Amino acid sequence: NNIRTLINNEFKVSIRLHLTKNNYDDLNELIDYLYNEFGSNEYFKAYVSLLFQDETNDNLDLYKNKLTLQRKLHKLDIFDNKTNLNLKTIYCIGDNPNAVVIEPNGDLKSCEHVKNDKSYSNIQKSEFSKPYSYWHELDNVKEDCYKCSLYPTCISLKHCPANNHLCNEYIREEKLEKIKWKIEELSKKEIK
């Protein structure tokens, strides 16, 4: 009911569907339900995401299922394609010089995922510019990276605990399809 109220009042609603090893069938059914309820409304979109701890190269089936669900959302025309075509090489919020994490106590940090990320200031202090931090150091680029059409958009950060240089056939395929879909989406807008 809340979703309907928001989209009826022209608020854009984007539903993030968290895929785990145990809920593929449930999400598949949920996508059908969401499409039946809201699919024709231009203010409704959805996308699939993995939980942070599941983003490893050991979970190929999970990435395959994610790609399958995202293809379904795209086919139903309710996929929220957040792909940015300016191909910046900022990897995450920790690497973004314009982003900051504000903890409940006002501490300013670089990363929203790492609990022991040291605070570099507090919101109550007058000086809190984000310093160049160890988060900006890039990981070593592998030889195969130079041949990939996604390079350098996927280069990971050297000191990030989530860095296991996530790259597998499904990740590459998903990223390339999302870029293609975004180009198609933008082309349709240009034609109108």
N, C-alpha and C. Protein backbone atom coordinates (compact mmCIF):
# COMPACT_ATOMS: atom_id res chain seq x y z
N ASN A 1 0.83 -1.19 0.00
CA ASN A 1 0.00 0.00 0.00
C ASN A 1 0.88 1.26 0.00
N ASN A 2 1.97 1.25 0.76
CA ASN A 2 2.86 2.41 0.80
C ASN A 2 3.51 2.66 -0.56
N ILE A 3 3.90 1.59 -1.25
CA ILE A 3 4.50 1.75 -2.58
C ILE A 3 3.51 2.39 -3.52
N ARG A 4 2.28 1.91 -3.50
CA ARG A 4 1.24 2.47 -4.38
C ARG A 4 1.02 3.95 -4.07
N THR A 5 0.97 4.31 -2.79
CA THR A 5 0.79 5.71 -2.41
C THR A 5 1.91 6.57 -2.97
N LEU A 6 3.15 6.09 -2.84
CA LEU A 6 4.29 6.86 -3.34
C LEU A 6 4.25 7.04 -4.84
N ILE A 7 4.04 5.96 -5.59
CA ILE A 7 4.06 6.09 -7.04
C ILE A 7 2.84 6.84 -7.56
N ASN A 8 1.73 6.74 -6.88
CA ASN A 8 0.55 7.52 -7.29
C ASN A 8 0.77 9.01 -7.08
N ASN A 9 1.68 9.35 -6.18
CA ASN A 9 2.02 10.76 -5.95
C ASN A 9 3.31 11.15 -6.69
N GLU A 10 3.66 10.35 -7.70
CA GLU A 10 4.78 10.60 -8.60
C GLU A 10 6.14 10.62 -7.92
N PHE A 11 6.29 9.80 -6.89
CA PHE A 11 7.60 9.55 -6.30
C PHE A 11 8.19 8.34 -7.02
N LYS A 12 9.44 8.42 -7.40
CA LYS A 12 10.09 7.28 -8.02
C LYS A 12 10.48 6.29 -6.94
N VAL A 13 10.05 5.05 -7.12
CA VAL A 13 10.33 3.99 -6.15
C VAL A 13 11.20 2.94 -6.83
N SER A 14 12.29 2.62 -6.19
CA SER A 14 13.20 1.58 -6.69
C SER A 14 13.34 0.53 -5.59
N ILE A 15 12.95 -0.69 -5.89
CA ILE A 15 12.99 -1.78 -4.92
C ILE A 15 14.28 -2.57 -5.13
N ARG A 16 15.05 -2.68 -4.07
CA ARG A 16 16.28 -3.48 -4.11
C ARG A 16 15.95 -4.88 -3.62
N LEU A 17 16.16 -5.87 -4.46
CA LEU A 17 15.87 -7.26 -4.14
C LEU A 17 17.18 -7.95 -3.79
N HIS A 18 17.34 -8.35 -2.55
CA HIS A 18 18.57 -9.00 -2.09
C HIS A 18 18.52 -10.48 -2.40
N LEU A 19 19.42 -10.91 -3.26
CA LEU A 19 19.51 -12.32 -3.64
C LEU A 19 20.50 -13.04 -2.72
N THR A 20 20.06 -14.16 -2.21
CA THR A 20 20.94 -15.02 -1.40
C THR A 20 20.95 -16.42 -2.03
N LYS A 21 21.67 -17.32 -1.42
CA LYS A 21 21.73 -18.70 -1.93
C LYS A 21 20.39 -19.42 -1.79
N ASN A 22 19.50 -18.88 -0.94
CA ASN A 22 18.27 -19.60 -0.63
C ASN A 22 16.99 -18.96 -1.14
N ASN A 23 17.06 -17.83 -1.83
CA ASN A 23 15.79 -17.16 -2.15
C ASN A 23 15.56 -16.87 -3.63
N TYR A 24 16.27 -17.54 -4.53
CA TYR A 24 16.09 -17.29 -5.96
C TYR A 24 14.63 -17.48 -6.39
N ASP A 25 14.04 -18.61 -6.05
CA ASP A 25 12.65 -18.88 -6.45
C ASP A 25 11.68 -17.85 -5.87
N ASP A 26 11.92 -17.47 -4.62
CA ASP A 26 11.06 -16.46 -3.99
C ASP A 26 11.16 -15.12 -4.72
N LEU A 27 12.38 -14.72 -5.07
CA LEU A 27 12.55 -13.45 -5.79
C LEU A 27 11.94 -13.52 -7.18
N ASN A 28 12.05 -14.66 -7.82
CA ASN A 28 11.45 -14.84 -9.14
C ASN A 28 9.93 -14.63 -9.06
N GLU A 29 9.30 -15.20 -8.04
CA GLU A 29 7.86 -15.01 -7.82
C GLU A 29 7.55 -13.56 -7.43
N LEU A 30 8.40 -12.98 -6.60
CA LEU A 30 8.20 -11.60 -6.17
C LEU A 30 8.25 -10.64 -7.36
N ILE A 31 9.15 -10.89 -8.28
CA ILE A 31 9.23 -10.05 -9.49
C ILE A 31 7.91 -10.12 -10.25
N ASP A 32 7.35 -11.31 -10.40
CA ASP A 32 6.04 -11.45 -11.07
C ASP A 32 4.98 -10.65 -10.33
N TYR A 33 4.97 -10.78 -9.01
CA TYR A 33 4.00 -10.05 -8.19
C TYR A 33 4.16 -8.53 -8.37
N LEU A 34 5.40 -8.06 -8.26
CA LEU A 34 5.64 -6.62 -8.39
C LEU A 34 5.25 -6.11 -9.76
N TYR A 35 5.54 -6.90 -10.77
CA TYR A 35 5.16 -6.49 -12.13
C TYR A 35 3.64 -6.42 -12.27
N ASN A 36 2.94 -7.41 -11.73
CA ASN A 36 1.48 -7.41 -11.80
C ASN A 36 0.89 -6.23 -11.03
N GLU A 37 1.51 -5.85 -9.93
CA GLU A 37 1.01 -4.74 -9.12
C GLU A 37 1.39 -3.37 -9.66
N PHE A 38 2.63 -3.20 -10.12
CA PHE A 38 3.15 -1.86 -10.41
C PHE A 38 3.83 -1.72 -11.76
N GLY A 39 3.94 -2.79 -12.50
CA GLY A 39 4.77 -2.80 -13.71
C GLY A 39 4.46 -1.75 -14.75
N SER A 40 3.24 -1.33 -14.86
CA SER A 40 2.90 -0.35 -15.89
C SER A 40 3.12 1.08 -15.42
N ASN A 41 3.54 1.27 -14.20
CA ASN A 41 3.74 2.62 -13.67
C ASN A 41 5.17 3.08 -13.90
N GLU A 42 5.33 4.21 -14.56
CA GLU A 42 6.67 4.72 -14.89
C GLU A 42 7.49 5.07 -13.66
N TYR A 43 6.87 5.20 -12.50
CA TYR A 43 7.58 5.55 -11.27
C TYR A 43 8.06 4.34 -10.48
N PHE A 44 7.84 3.14 -11.03
CA PHE A 44 8.24 1.94 -10.33
C PHE A 44 9.34 1.20 -11.07
N LYS A 45 10.40 0.85 -10.35
CA LYS A 45 11.51 0.05 -10.90
C LYS A 45 12.02 -0.88 -9.80
N ALA A 46 12.82 -1.87 -10.19
CA ALA A 46 13.42 -2.81 -9.23
C ALA A 46 14.77 -3.27 -9.78
N TYR A 47 15.62 -3.72 -8.88
CA TYR A 47 16.90 -4.29 -9.29
C TYR A 47 17.33 -5.33 -8.27
N VAL A 48 18.27 -6.16 -8.67
CA VAL A 48 18.74 -7.26 -7.82
C VAL A 48 20.15 -6.94 -7.34
N SER A 49 20.40 -7.25 -6.08
CA SER A 49 21.72 -7.02 -5.51
C SER A 49 22.09 -8.20 -4.62
N LEU A 50 23.39 -8.46 -4.55
CA LEU A 50 23.87 -9.47 -3.62
C LEU A 50 24.22 -8.80 -2.30
N LEU A 51 24.16 -9.57 -1.22
CA LEU A 51 24.62 -9.06 0.05
C LEU A 51 26.13 -8.95 0.02
N PHE A 52 26.66 -7.96 0.70
CA PHE A 52 28.09 -7.66 0.69
C PHE A 52 28.94 -8.91 0.93
N GLN A 53 28.57 -9.72 1.91
CA GLN A 53 29.37 -10.89 2.26
C GLN A 53 29.29 -11.99 1.21
N ASP A 54 28.31 -11.94 0.31
CA ASP A 54 28.18 -12.95 -0.74
C ASP A 54 28.91 -12.58 -2.02
N GLU A 55 29.45 -11.38 -2.08
CA GLU A 55 30.13 -10.93 -3.28
C GLU A 55 31.55 -11.48 -3.34
N THR A 56 31.63 -12.75 -3.70
CA THR A 56 32.93 -13.41 -3.84
C THR A 56 32.92 -14.23 -5.12
N ASN A 57 34.09 -14.52 -5.63
CA ASN A 57 34.18 -15.33 -6.84
C ASN A 57 33.81 -16.79 -6.59
N ASP A 58 33.59 -17.17 -5.34
CA ASP A 58 33.18 -18.53 -5.02
C ASP A 58 31.69 -18.75 -5.25
N ASN A 59 30.95 -17.69 -5.49
CA ASN A 59 29.50 -17.78 -5.62
C ASN A 59 29.03 -17.61 -7.07
N LEU A 60 29.60 -18.38 -8.00
CA LEU A 60 29.25 -18.23 -9.41
C LEU A 60 27.76 -18.46 -9.66
N ASP A 61 27.17 -19.44 -8.97
CA ASP A 61 25.74 -19.70 -9.16
C ASP A 61 24.91 -18.50 -8.74
N LEU A 62 25.33 -17.81 -7.70
CA LEU A 62 24.62 -16.63 -7.24
C LEU A 62 24.67 -15.53 -8.30
N TYR A 63 25.83 -15.32 -8.89
CA TYR A 63 25.96 -14.31 -9.95
C TYR A 63 25.14 -14.69 -11.18
N LYS A 64 25.12 -15.97 -11.51
CA LYS A 64 24.31 -16.44 -12.63
C LYS A 64 22.83 -16.17 -12.36
N ASN A 65 22.37 -16.47 -11.14
CA ASN A 65 20.98 -16.22 -10.78
C ASN A 65 20.65 -14.73 -10.78
N LYS A 66 21.59 -13.93 -10.32
CA LYS A 66 21.39 -12.47 -10.34
C LYS A 66 21.20 -11.98 -11.76
N LEU A 67 22.04 -12.44 -12.66
CA LEU A 67 21.94 -12.04 -14.06
C LEU A 67 20.60 -12.48 -14.65
N THR A 68 20.18 -13.68 -14.33
CA THR A 68 18.89 -14.19 -14.82
C THR A 68 17.73 -13.32 -14.34
N LEU A 69 17.74 -12.95 -13.06
CA LEU A 69 16.67 -12.12 -12.51
C LEU A 69 16.71 -10.70 -13.11
N GLN A 70 17.91 -10.17 -13.29
CA GLN A 70 18.00 -8.82 -13.88
C GLN A 70 17.52 -8.83 -15.33
N ARG A 71 17.81 -9.89 -16.04
CA ARG A 71 17.30 -10.02 -17.42
C ARG A 71 15.77 -10.04 -17.42
N LYS A 72 15.21 -10.73 -16.44
CA LYS A 72 13.74 -10.80 -16.35
C LYS A 72 13.17 -9.40 -16.07
N LEU A 73 13.77 -8.68 -15.14
CA LEU A 73 13.32 -7.31 -14.85
C LEU A 73 13.43 -6.43 -16.09
N HIS A 74 14.52 -6.58 -16.83
CA HIS A 74 14.71 -5.79 -18.04
C HIS A 74 13.65 -6.12 -19.08
N LYS A 75 13.39 -7.40 -19.26
CA LYS A 75 12.38 -7.83 -20.23
C LYS A 75 11.00 -7.29 -19.86
N LEU A 76 10.71 -7.21 -18.56
CA LEU A 76 9.43 -6.67 -18.09
C LEU A 76 9.41 -5.14 -18.09
N ASP A 77 10.54 -4.53 -18.41
CA ASP A 77 10.70 -3.07 -18.46
C ASP A 77 10.50 -2.41 -17.09
N ILE A 78 10.94 -3.11 -16.05
CA ILE A 78 10.90 -2.53 -14.71
C ILE A 78 12.28 -2.54 -14.05
N PHE A 79 13.33 -2.78 -14.85
CA PHE A 79 14.69 -2.84 -14.31
C PHE A 79 15.21 -1.43 -14.05
N ASP A 80 15.66 -1.20 -12.83
CA ASP A 80 16.26 0.09 -12.47
C ASP A 80 17.76 0.00 -12.77
N ASN A 81 18.10 0.45 -13.95
CA ASN A 81 19.48 0.34 -14.42
C ASN A 81 20.27 1.53 -13.91
N LYS A 82 21.03 1.29 -12.87
CA LYS A 82 21.81 2.36 -12.24
C LYS A 82 23.19 2.49 -12.89
N THR A 83 23.38 1.85 -14.03
CA THR A 83 24.67 1.91 -14.71
C THR A 83 24.96 3.33 -15.15
N ASN A 84 26.15 3.76 -14.83
CA ASN A 84 26.59 5.10 -15.16
C ASN A 84 27.53 5.00 -16.34
N LEU A 85 27.20 5.65 -17.45
CA LEU A 85 28.00 5.51 -18.65
C LEU A 85 29.21 6.44 -18.71
N ASN A 86 29.41 7.26 -17.71
CA ASN A 86 30.61 8.10 -17.78
C ASN A 86 31.85 7.32 -17.34
N LEU A 87 31.69 6.07 -16.96
CA LEU A 87 32.76 5.13 -16.69
C LEU A 87 33.86 5.68 -15.78
N LYS A 88 33.44 6.29 -14.71
CA LYS A 88 34.40 6.75 -13.71
C LYS A 88 35.07 5.55 -13.07
N THR A 89 36.24 5.76 -12.55
CA THR A 89 36.95 4.66 -11.93
C THR A 89 36.91 4.74 -10.41
N ILE A 90 35.95 5.44 -9.87
CA ILE A 90 35.74 5.41 -8.43
C ILE A 90 35.07 4.08 -8.11
N TYR A 91 35.69 3.32 -7.23
CA TYR A 91 35.24 1.97 -6.96
C TYR A 91 34.09 1.93 -5.96
N CYS A 92 34.17 2.75 -4.92
CA CYS A 92 33.14 2.73 -3.88
C CYS A 92 33.19 4.04 -3.11
N ILE A 93 32.37 4.14 -2.09
CA ILE A 93 32.31 5.37 -1.30
C ILE A 93 33.65 5.69 -0.63
N GLY A 94 34.41 4.66 -0.23
CA GLY A 94 35.70 4.88 0.41
C GLY A 94 36.71 5.53 -0.52
N ASP A 95 36.56 5.29 -1.81
CA ASP A 95 37.48 5.84 -2.80
C ASP A 95 37.00 7.18 -3.36
N ASN A 96 35.79 7.55 -3.05
CA ASN A 96 35.21 8.77 -3.62
C ASN A 96 35.58 9.97 -2.74
N PRO A 97 36.34 10.92 -3.28
CA PRO A 97 36.75 12.06 -2.47
C PRO A 97 35.58 12.98 -2.10
N ASN A 98 34.44 12.81 -2.74
CA ASN A 98 33.28 13.65 -2.47
C ASN A 98 32.26 12.98 -1.57
N ALA A 99 32.58 11.80 -1.06
CA ALA A 99 31.64 11.07 -0.22
C ALA A 99 32.21 10.90 1.18
N VAL A 100 31.32 10.85 2.14
CA VAL A 100 31.74 10.69 3.53
C VAL A 100 30.70 9.84 4.26
N VAL A 101 31.18 9.04 5.19
CA VAL A 101 30.30 8.26 6.05
C VAL A 101 30.22 8.99 7.39
N ILE A 102 29.00 9.25 7.84
CA ILE A 102 28.81 9.91 9.13
C ILE A 102 28.20 8.89 10.08
N GLU A 103 28.97 8.52 11.09
CA GLU A 103 28.52 7.56 12.09
C GLU A 103 27.49 8.24 13.01
N PRO A 104 26.68 7.45 13.74
CA PRO A 104 25.69 8.04 14.65
C PRO A 104 26.28 9.02 15.66
N ASN A 105 27.53 8.82 16.06
CA ASN A 105 28.16 9.73 17.02
C ASN A 105 28.81 10.95 16.35
N GLY A 106 28.68 11.05 15.03
CA GLY A 106 29.23 12.19 14.30
C GLY A 106 30.61 11.96 13.73
N ASP A 107 31.23 10.81 14.01
CA ASP A 107 32.55 10.53 13.45
C ASP A 107 32.46 10.43 11.92
N LEU A 108 33.49 10.97 11.26
CA LEU A 108 33.58 10.93 9.80
C LEU A 108 34.57 9.86 9.40
N LYS A 109 34.14 8.99 8.48
CA LYS A 109 34.96 7.86 8.04
C LYS A 109 34.89 7.75 6.51
N SER A 110 35.75 6.88 5.99
CA SER A 110 35.79 6.68 4.54
C SER A 110 34.91 5.54 4.05
N CYS A 111 34.74 4.50 4.86
CA CYS A 111 34.05 3.30 4.38
C CYS A 111 32.85 2.96 5.25
N GLU A 112 31.73 2.66 4.61
CA GLU A 112 30.52 2.32 5.36
C GLU A 112 30.46 0.86 5.76
N HIS A 113 31.34 0.03 5.22
CA HIS A 113 31.30 -1.40 5.52
C HIS A 113 32.29 -1.85 6.58
N VAL A 114 33.40 -1.14 6.71
CA VAL A 114 34.47 -1.57 7.61
C VAL A 114 34.27 -0.94 8.98
N LYS A 115 34.03 -1.78 9.97
CA LYS A 115 33.74 -1.28 11.31
C LYS A 115 34.94 -0.62 11.97
N ASN A 116 36.14 -1.11 11.66
CA ASN A 116 37.32 -0.54 12.31
C ASN A 116 38.00 0.55 11.46
N ASP A 117 37.27 1.08 10.47
CA ASP A 117 37.82 2.19 9.69
C ASP A 117 37.97 3.38 10.63
N LYS A 118 39.14 3.91 10.72
CA LYS A 118 39.42 5.00 11.67
C LYS A 118 38.73 6.29 11.25
N SER A 119 38.20 6.98 12.21
CA SER A 119 37.58 8.28 11.99
C SER A 119 38.67 9.31 11.72
N TYR A 120 38.43 10.20 10.76
CA TYR A 120 39.41 11.26 10.52
C TYR A 120 38.95 12.60 11.06
N SER A 121 37.73 12.66 11.54
CA SER A 121 37.24 13.88 12.17
C SER A 121 35.86 13.59 12.75
N ASN A 122 35.19 14.64 13.19
CA ASN A 122 33.84 14.54 13.72
C ASN A 122 33.04 15.71 13.17
N ILE A 123 31.77 15.49 12.92
CA ILE A 123 30.90 16.51 12.32
C ILE A 123 30.83 17.78 13.17
N GLN A 124 31.09 17.65 14.47
CA GLN A 124 31.04 18.80 15.37
C GLN A 124 32.27 19.70 15.27
N LYS A 125 33.34 19.20 14.64
CA LYS A 125 34.57 19.98 14.52
C LYS A 125 34.48 20.91 13.32
N SER A 126 35.22 21.99 13.36
CA SER A 126 35.16 22.95 12.27
C SER A 126 35.93 22.49 11.03
N GLU A 127 36.93 21.63 11.18
CA GLU A 127 37.73 21.16 10.04
C GLU A 127 37.47 19.68 9.84
N PHE A 128 36.89 19.34 8.69
CA PHE A 128 36.67 17.94 8.44
C PHE A 128 36.78 17.58 6.97
N SER A 129 37.76 18.14 6.27
CA SER A 129 37.95 17.76 4.88
C SER A 129 38.49 16.33 4.82
N LYS A 130 38.07 15.61 3.82
CA LYS A 130 38.45 14.21 3.70
C LYS A 130 39.90 14.12 3.21
N PRO A 131 40.75 13.51 4.00
CA PRO A 131 42.16 13.38 3.60
C PRO A 131 42.33 12.28 2.56
N TYR A 132 43.41 12.37 1.80
CA TYR A 132 43.76 11.26 0.93
C TYR A 132 44.07 10.08 1.83
N SER A 133 43.42 8.98 1.64
CA SER A 133 43.60 7.86 2.55
C SER A 133 44.11 6.63 1.83
N TYR A 134 44.40 5.64 2.61
CA TYR A 134 44.86 4.39 2.04
C TYR A 134 43.81 3.75 1.14
N TRP A 135 42.56 4.17 1.24
CA TRP A 135 41.50 3.61 0.39
C TRP A 135 41.74 3.90 -1.09
N HIS A 136 42.49 4.93 -1.40
CA HIS A 136 42.68 5.32 -2.79
C HIS A 136 43.70 4.48 -3.54
N GLU A 137 44.47 3.67 -2.84
CA GLU A 137 45.47 2.84 -3.52
C GLU A 137 44.79 1.71 -4.29
N LEU A 138 45.10 1.62 -5.57
CA LEU A 138 44.51 0.59 -6.41
C LEU A 138 45.27 -0.72 -6.29
N ASP A 139 44.55 -1.80 -6.47
CA ASP A 139 45.16 -3.12 -6.46
C ASP A 139 45.98 -3.31 -7.74
N ASN A 140 46.84 -4.29 -7.72
CA ASN A 140 47.62 -4.59 -8.92
C ASN A 140 46.70 -5.09 -10.02
N VAL A 141 46.88 -4.54 -11.21
CA VAL A 141 46.06 -4.94 -12.35
C VAL A 141 46.65 -6.23 -12.93
N LYS A 142 45.77 -7.18 -13.17
CA LYS A 142 46.21 -8.45 -13.74
C LYS A 142 46.33 -8.32 -15.26
N GLU A 143 47.15 -9.11 -15.86
CA GLU A 143 47.42 -9.03 -17.31
C GLU A 143 46.12 -9.14 -18.12
N ASP A 144 45.22 -10.05 -17.72
CA ASP A 144 43.95 -10.22 -18.44
C ASP A 144 43.08 -8.97 -18.41
N CYS A 145 43.26 -8.14 -17.39
CA CYS A 145 42.45 -6.93 -17.25
C CYS A 145 42.61 -6.00 -18.46
N TYR A 146 43.81 -5.93 -18.98
CA TYR A 146 44.07 -5.01 -20.09
C TYR A 146 43.34 -5.42 -21.37
N LYS A 147 42.93 -6.67 -21.46
CA LYS A 147 42.24 -7.17 -22.64
C LYS A 147 40.72 -7.08 -22.50
N CYS A 148 40.26 -6.77 -21.31
CA CYS A 148 38.82 -6.78 -21.02
C CYS A 148 38.16 -5.46 -21.43
N SER A 149 36.99 -5.55 -22.00
CA SER A 149 36.28 -4.34 -22.43
C SER A 149 35.76 -3.51 -21.26
N LEU A 150 35.77 -4.05 -20.07
CA LEU A 150 35.32 -3.29 -18.90
C LEU A 150 36.45 -2.52 -18.22
N TYR A 151 37.69 -2.79 -18.59
CA TYR A 151 38.83 -2.10 -17.98
C TYR A 151 38.76 -0.62 -18.31
N PRO A 152 38.96 0.33 -17.40
CA PRO A 152 39.41 0.18 -16.03
C PRO A 152 38.30 0.31 -15.01
N THR A 153 37.06 0.14 -15.40
CA THR A 153 35.95 0.42 -14.50
C THR A 153 35.83 -0.56 -13.34
N CYS A 154 36.52 -1.67 -13.38
CA CYS A 154 36.35 -2.68 -12.34
C CYS A 154 37.56 -2.82 -11.43
N ILE A 155 38.55 -1.99 -11.59
CA ILE A 155 39.76 -2.13 -10.78
C ILE A 155 39.40 -1.91 -9.31
N SER A 156 39.92 -2.78 -8.47
CA SER A 156 39.54 -2.73 -7.07
C SER A 156 40.62 -2.06 -6.22
N LEU A 157 40.25 -1.77 -5.00
CA LEU A 157 41.13 -1.05 -4.08
C LEU A 157 41.99 -2.02 -3.29
N LYS A 158 43.24 -1.68 -3.15
CA LYS A 158 44.24 -2.56 -2.55
C LYS A 158 43.94 -2.93 -1.10
N HIS A 159 43.47 -1.99 -0.30
CA HIS A 159 43.30 -2.23 1.14
C HIS A 159 41.86 -2.56 1.56
N CYS A 160 40.98 -2.67 0.59
CA CYS A 160 39.59 -2.96 0.92
C CYS A 160 39.44 -4.43 1.32
N PRO A 161 38.80 -4.71 2.47
CA PRO A 161 38.64 -6.10 2.89
C PRO A 161 37.73 -6.90 1.95
N ALA A 162 36.93 -6.21 1.15
CA ALA A 162 36.06 -6.91 0.20
C ALA A 162 36.79 -7.19 -1.11
N ASN A 163 38.03 -6.74 -1.21
CA ASN A 163 38.76 -6.90 -2.44
C ASN A 163 39.23 -8.33 -2.62
N ASN A 164 38.55 -9.03 -3.46
CA ASN A 164 39.06 -10.30 -3.94
C ASN A 164 38.99 -10.25 -5.46
N HIS A 165 39.16 -9.05 -5.96
CA HIS A 165 39.11 -8.73 -7.40
C HIS A 165 37.98 -9.51 -8.04
N LEU A 166 36.77 -9.12 -7.68
CA LEU A 166 35.59 -9.82 -8.14
C LEU A 166 35.49 -9.75 -9.65
N CYS A 167 35.74 -10.84 -10.27
CA CYS A 167 35.65 -10.90 -11.72
C CYS A 167 35.38 -12.35 -12.10
N ASN A 168 34.28 -12.53 -12.78
CA ASN A 168 33.97 -13.85 -13.32
C ASN A 168 33.08 -13.63 -14.53
N GLU A 169 32.80 -14.69 -15.24
CA GLU A 169 32.06 -14.55 -16.49
C GLU A 169 30.69 -13.90 -16.30
N TYR A 170 30.03 -14.16 -15.18
CA TYR A 170 28.70 -13.60 -14.96
C TYR A 170 28.76 -12.12 -14.60
N ILE A 171 29.76 -11.73 -13.84
CA ILE A 171 29.93 -10.31 -13.51
C ILE A 171 30.20 -9.53 -14.79
N ARG A 172 31.11 -10.03 -15.63
CA ARG A 172 31.42 -9.33 -16.89
C ARG A 172 30.19 -9.25 -17.78
N GLU A 173 29.48 -10.37 -17.91
CA GLU A 173 28.30 -10.41 -18.76
C GLU A 173 27.22 -9.45 -18.25
N GLU A 174 27.01 -9.44 -16.93
CA GLU A 174 26.01 -8.54 -16.35
C GLU A 174 26.37 -7.08 -16.62
N LYS A 175 27.62 -6.72 -16.36
CA LYS A 175 28.03 -5.32 -16.55
C LYS A 175 27.88 -4.90 -18.00
N LEU A 176 28.29 -5.76 -18.95
CA LEU A 176 28.18 -5.41 -20.36
C LEU A 176 26.72 -5.30 -20.79
N GLU A 177 25.87 -6.19 -20.28
CA GLU A 177 24.45 -6.09 -20.63
C GLU A 177 23.82 -4.83 -20.07
N LYS A 178 24.18 -4.46 -18.83
CA LYS A 178 23.62 -3.25 -18.23
C LYS A 178 24.06 -2.01 -19.01
N ILE A 179 25.28 -2.00 -19.49
CA ILE A 179 25.74 -0.88 -20.32
C ILE A 179 24.93 -0.84 -21.61
N LYS A 180 24.76 -1.99 -22.23
CA LYS A 180 23.97 -2.07 -23.47
C LYS A 180 22.54 -1.59 -23.23
N TRP A 181 21.93 -2.05 -22.14
CA TRP A 181 20.56 -1.65 -21.83
C TRP A 181 20.47 -0.14 -21.59
N LYS A 182 21.47 0.41 -20.91
CA LYS A 182 21.47 1.85 -20.64
C LYS A 182 21.58 2.63 -21.94
N ILE A 183 22.41 2.17 -22.85
CA ILE A 183 22.53 2.84 -24.15
C ILE A 183 21.21 2.76 -24.90
N GLU A 184 20.56 1.60 -24.88
CA GLU A 184 19.24 1.46 -25.52
C GLU A 184 18.23 2.40 -24.88
N GLU A 185 18.24 2.48 -23.56
CA GLU A 185 17.32 3.36 -22.82
C GLU A 185 17.54 4.82 -23.22
N LEU A 186 18.79 5.23 -23.26
CA LEU A 186 19.11 6.61 -23.62
C LEU A 186 18.77 6.89 -25.08
N SER A 187 18.96 5.90 -25.94
CA SER A 187 18.63 6.08 -27.35
C SER A 187 17.13 6.29 -27.54
N LYS A 188 16.32 5.54 -26.79
CA LYS A 188 14.87 5.69 -26.87
C LYS A 188 14.45 7.09 -26.43
N LYS A 189 15.10 7.62 -25.39
CA LYS A 189 14.77 8.96 -24.92
C LYS A 189 15.14 10.02 -25.95
N GLU A 190 16.25 9.81 -26.66
CA GLU A 190 16.69 10.76 -27.68
C GLU A 190 15.73 10.78 -28.86
N ILE A 191 15.16 9.62 -29.20
CA ILE A 191 14.26 9.52 -30.35
C ILE A 191 12.94 10.22 -30.08
N LYS A 192 12.49 10.21 -28.83
CA LYS A 192 11.18 10.81 -28.48
C LYS A 192 11.14 12.26 -28.71
